């Protein structure tokens, strides 16, 4: 399930990364230089405009001096305390129609 920006877990991750960057005395520009990326890359993931994949996350943690596993444990604690809401299919969508249908979803023919 894809989580939206602004979920408690995503906010916890961003806050942890931002606090660690500031705590280590790095500006966004300095961190970007360490990562060999543009400053906008750092800004975009810190504001939630961009998500980090696992490899990028590990590189960011290393540049800041964080243990990635420790960050994951912190975020996991937040996520398990506040599970995401189940998103229902909108009426009129294929999934909603298939859920109402006895036959189930349509299958494409090859």
C-alpha atoms as a PDB file:
ATOM      1  CA  UNK A   1       0.000   0.000   0.000  1.00  0.00           C
ATOM      2  CA  UNK A   2       1.402   3.369  -0.986  1.00  0.00           C
ATOM      3  CA  UNK A   3       1.219   5.912   1.797  1.00  0.00           C
ATOM      4  CA  UNK A   4       0.506   9.542   1.097  1.00  0.00           C
ATOM      5  CA  UNK A   5       2.749  12.377   2.111  1.00  0.00           C
ATOM      6  CA  UNK A   6       1.942  13.686   5.512  1.00  0.00           C
ATOM      7  CA  UNK A   7       1.222  10.364   7.191  1.00  0.00           C
ATOM      8  CA  UNK A   8       2.603  10.082  10.725  1.00  0.00           C
ATOM      9  CA  UNK A   9       5.300   7.657   9.578  1.00  0.00           C
ATOM     10  CA  UNK A  10       6.431   9.860   6.715  1.00  0.00           C
ATOM     11  CA  UNK A  11       6.494  12.925   8.964  1.00  0.00           C
ATOM     12  CA  UNK A  12       8.528  11.007  11.550  1.00  0.00           C
ATOM     13  CA  UNK A  13      11.056   9.991   8.892  1.00  0.00           C
ATOM     14  CA  UNK A  14      11.402  13.528   7.560  1.00  0.00           C
ATOM     15  CA  UNK A  15      11.670  15.059  11.013  1.00  0.00           C
ATOM     16  CA  UNK A  16      14.338  12.542  12.006  1.00  0.00           C
ATOM     17  CA  UNK A  17      16.412  13.264   8.892  1.00  0.00           C
ATOM     18  CA  UNK A  18      16.024  17.041   9.214  1.00  0.00           C
ATOM     19  CA  UNK A  19      16.827  17.084  12.944  1.00  0.00           C
ATOM     20  CA  UNK A  20      19.888  14.892  12.384  1.00  0.00           C
ATOM     21  CA  UNK A  21      21.137  17.096   9.538  1.00  0.00           C
ATOM     22  CA  UNK A  22      20.755  20.243  11.617  1.00  0.00           C
ATOM     23  CA  UNK A  23      22.196  18.504  14.691  1.00  0.00           C
ATOM     24  CA  UNK A  24      25.273  17.495  12.723  1.00  0.00           C
ATOM     25  CA  UNK A  25      25.786  21.128  11.723  1.00  0.00           C
ATOM     26  CA  UNK A  26      25.148  20.580   8.020  1.00  0.00           C
ATOM     27  CA  UNK A  27      23.205  22.913   5.788  1.00  0.00           C
ATOM     28  CA  UNK A  28      21.199  21.543   2.882  1.00  0.00           C
ATOM     29  CA  UNK A  29      23.936  22.793   0.551  1.00  0.00           C
ATOM     30  CA  UNK A  30      26.680  21.020   2.507  1.00  0.00           C
ATOM     31  CA  UNK A  31      24.707  17.773   2.645  1.00  0.00           C
ATOM     32  CA  UNK A  32      24.017  18.011  -1.086  1.00  0.00           C
ATOM     33  CA  UNK A  33      27.745  18.444  -1.726  1.00  0.00           C
ATOM     34  CA  UNK A  34      28.490  15.315   0.331  1.00  0.00           C
ATOM     35  CA  UNK A  35      25.864  13.380  -1.633  1.00  0.00           C
ATOM     36  CA  UNK A  36      27.021  14.900  -4.947  1.00  0.00           C
ATOM     37  CA  UNK A  37      23.507  16.117  -5.750  1.00  0.00           C
ATOM     38  CA  UNK A  38      21.858  19.515  -6.032  1.00  0.00           C
ATOM     39  CA  UNK A  39      20.586  21.331  -2.974  1.00  0.00           C
ATOM     40  CA  UNK A  40      17.061  21.070  -4.394  1.00  0.00           C
ATOM     41  CA  UNK A  41      17.277  17.263  -4.023  1.00  0.00           C
ATOM     42  CA  UNK A  42      17.731  17.656  -0.259  1.00  0.00           C
ATOM     43  CA  UNK A  43      15.046  20.321  -0.077  1.00  0.00           C
ATOM     44  CA  UNK A  44      12.581  18.200  -2.056  1.00  0.00           C
ATOM     45  CA  UNK A  45      12.849  15.144   0.163  1.00  0.00           C
ATOM     46  CA  UNK A  46      12.864  17.233   3.353  1.00  0.00           C
ATOM     47  CA  UNK A  47       9.622  18.968   2.320  1.00  0.00           C
ATOM     48  CA  UNK A  48       8.043  15.708   1.186  1.00  0.00           C
ATOM     49  CA  UNK A  49       7.962  16.681  -2.483  1.00  0.00           C
ATOM     50  CA  UNK A  50      10.189  13.704  -3.242  1.00  0.00           C
ATOM     51  CA  UNK A  51      10.516  10.297  -1.643  1.00  0.00           C
ATOM     52  CA  UNK A  52      13.779   8.509  -0.998  1.00  0.00           C
ATOM     53  CA  UNK A  53      14.237   4.932  -2.111  1.00  0.00           C
ATOM     54  CA  UNK A  54      16.067   2.552   0.220  1.00  0.00           C
ATOM     55  CA  UNK A  55      19.499   3.074  -1.326  1.00  0.00           C
ATOM     56  CA  UNK A  56      19.116   6.875  -1.273  1.00  0.00           C
ATOM     57  CA  UNK A  57      17.916   6.671   2.341  1.00  0.00           C
ATOM     58  CA  UNK A  58      21.017   4.697   3.338  1.00  0.00           C
ATOM     59  CA  UNK A  59      23.293   7.204   1.562  1.00  0.00           C
ATOM     60  CA  UNK A  60      21.576  10.171   3.247  1.00  0.00           C
ATOM     61  CA  UNK A  61      21.864   8.510   6.654  1.00  0.00           C
ATOM     62  CA  UNK A  62      25.552   7.816   6.051  1.00  0.00           C
ATOM     63  CA  UNK A  63      26.236  11.405   5.025  1.00  0.00           C
ATOM     64  CA  UNK A  64      24.479  12.719   8.139  1.00  0.00           C
ATOM     65  CA  UNK A  65      26.040  10.135  10.461  1.00  0.00           C
ATOM     66  CA  UNK A  66      22.860   8.204  11.255  1.00  0.00           C
ATOM     67  CA  UNK A  67      22.387   4.473  11.605  1.00  0.00           C
ATOM     68  CA  UNK A  68      19.731   3.608   8.983  1.00  0.00           C
ATOM     69  CA  UNK A  69      18.470   0.656  11.027  1.00  0.00           C
ATOM     70  CA  UNK A  70      17.944   2.898  14.052  1.00  0.00           C
ATOM     71  CA  UNK A  71      15.951   5.370  11.968  1.00  0.00           C
ATOM     72  CA  UNK A  72      13.805   2.554  10.581  1.00  0.00           C
ATOM     73  CA  UNK A  73      13.093   1.330  14.124  1.00  0.00           C
ATOM     74  CA  UNK A  74      12.013   4.831  15.199  1.00  0.00           C
ATOM     75  CA  UNK A  75       9.731   5.257  12.207  1.00  0.00           C
ATOM     76  CA  UNK A  76       8.356   1.729  12.591  1.00  0.00           C
ATOM     77  CA  UNK A  77       7.333   2.545  16.151  1.00  0.00           C
ATOM     78  CA  UNK A  78       5.366   5.560  14.910  1.00  0.00           C
ATOM     79  CA  UNK A  79       3.780   3.617  12.051  1.00  0.00           C
ATOM     80  CA  UNK A  80       2.621   0.754  14.263  1.00  0.00           C
ATOM     81  CA  UNK A  81       1.147   3.236  16.734  1.00  0.00           C
ATOM     82  CA  UNK A  82      -0.902   4.906  13.994  1.00  0.00           C
ATOM     83  CA  UNK A  83      -1.732   2.529  11.126  1.00  0.00           C
ATOM     84  CA  UNK A  84      -2.885   4.194   7.886  1.00  0.00           C
ATOM     85  CA  UNK A  85      -6.560   4.477   7.059  1.00  0.00           C
ATOM     86  CA  UNK A  86      -7.939   2.030   4.551  1.00  0.00           C
ATOM     87  CA  UNK A  87      -8.689   3.817   1.305  1.00  0.00           C
ATOM     88  CA  UNK A  88     -11.974   2.792  -0.268  1.00  0.00           C
ATOM     89  CA  UNK A  89     -12.402   2.657  -4.020  1.00  0.00           C
ATOM     90  CA  UNK A  90     -14.456   5.527  -5.421  1.00  0.00           C
ATOM     91  CA  UNK A  91     -17.846   4.708  -6.861  1.00  0.00           C
ATOM     92  CA  UNK A  92     -17.667   4.287 -10.600  1.00  0.00           C
ATOM     93  CA  UNK A  93     -14.094   3.014 -10.694  1.00  0.00           C
ATOM     94  CA  UNK A  94     -13.292  -0.397 -12.103  1.00  0.00           C
ATOM     95  CA  UNK A  95     -12.400  -1.737  -8.663  1.00  0.00           C
ATOM     96  CA  UNK A  96     -15.619  -0.473  -7.116  1.00  0.00           C
ATOM     97  CA  UNK A  97     -17.689  -1.930  -9.935  1.00  0.00           C
ATOM     98  CA  UNK A  98     -15.846  -5.250  -9.710  1.00  0.00           C
ATOM     99  CA  UNK A  99     -16.476  -5.380  -5.974  1.00  0.00           C
ATOM    100  CA  UNK A 100     -20.209  -5.028  -6.607  1.00  0.00           C
ATOM    101  CA  UNK A 101     -20.208  -7.514  -9.457  1.00  0.00           C
ATOM    102  CA  UNK A 102     -20.691 -11.217  -8.845  1.00  0.00           C
ATOM    103  CA  UNK A 103     -18.317 -12.044 -11.649  1.00  0.00           C
ATOM    104  CA  UNK A 104     -15.372 -10.059 -10.289  1.00  0.00           C
ATOM    105  CA  UNK A 105     -12.998  -7.893 -12.303  1.00  0.00           C
ATOM    106  CA  UNK A 106     -12.838  -8.192 -16.057  1.00  0.00           C
ATOM    107  CA  UNK A 107      -9.861  -9.967 -17.484  1.00  0.00           C
ATOM    108  CA  UNK A 108      -8.141  -8.818 -20.601  1.00  0.00           C
ATOM    109  CA  UNK A 109      -7.762 -11.280 -23.414  1.00  0.00           C
ATOM    110  CA  UNK A 110      -4.316 -11.744 -24.856  1.00  0.00           C
END
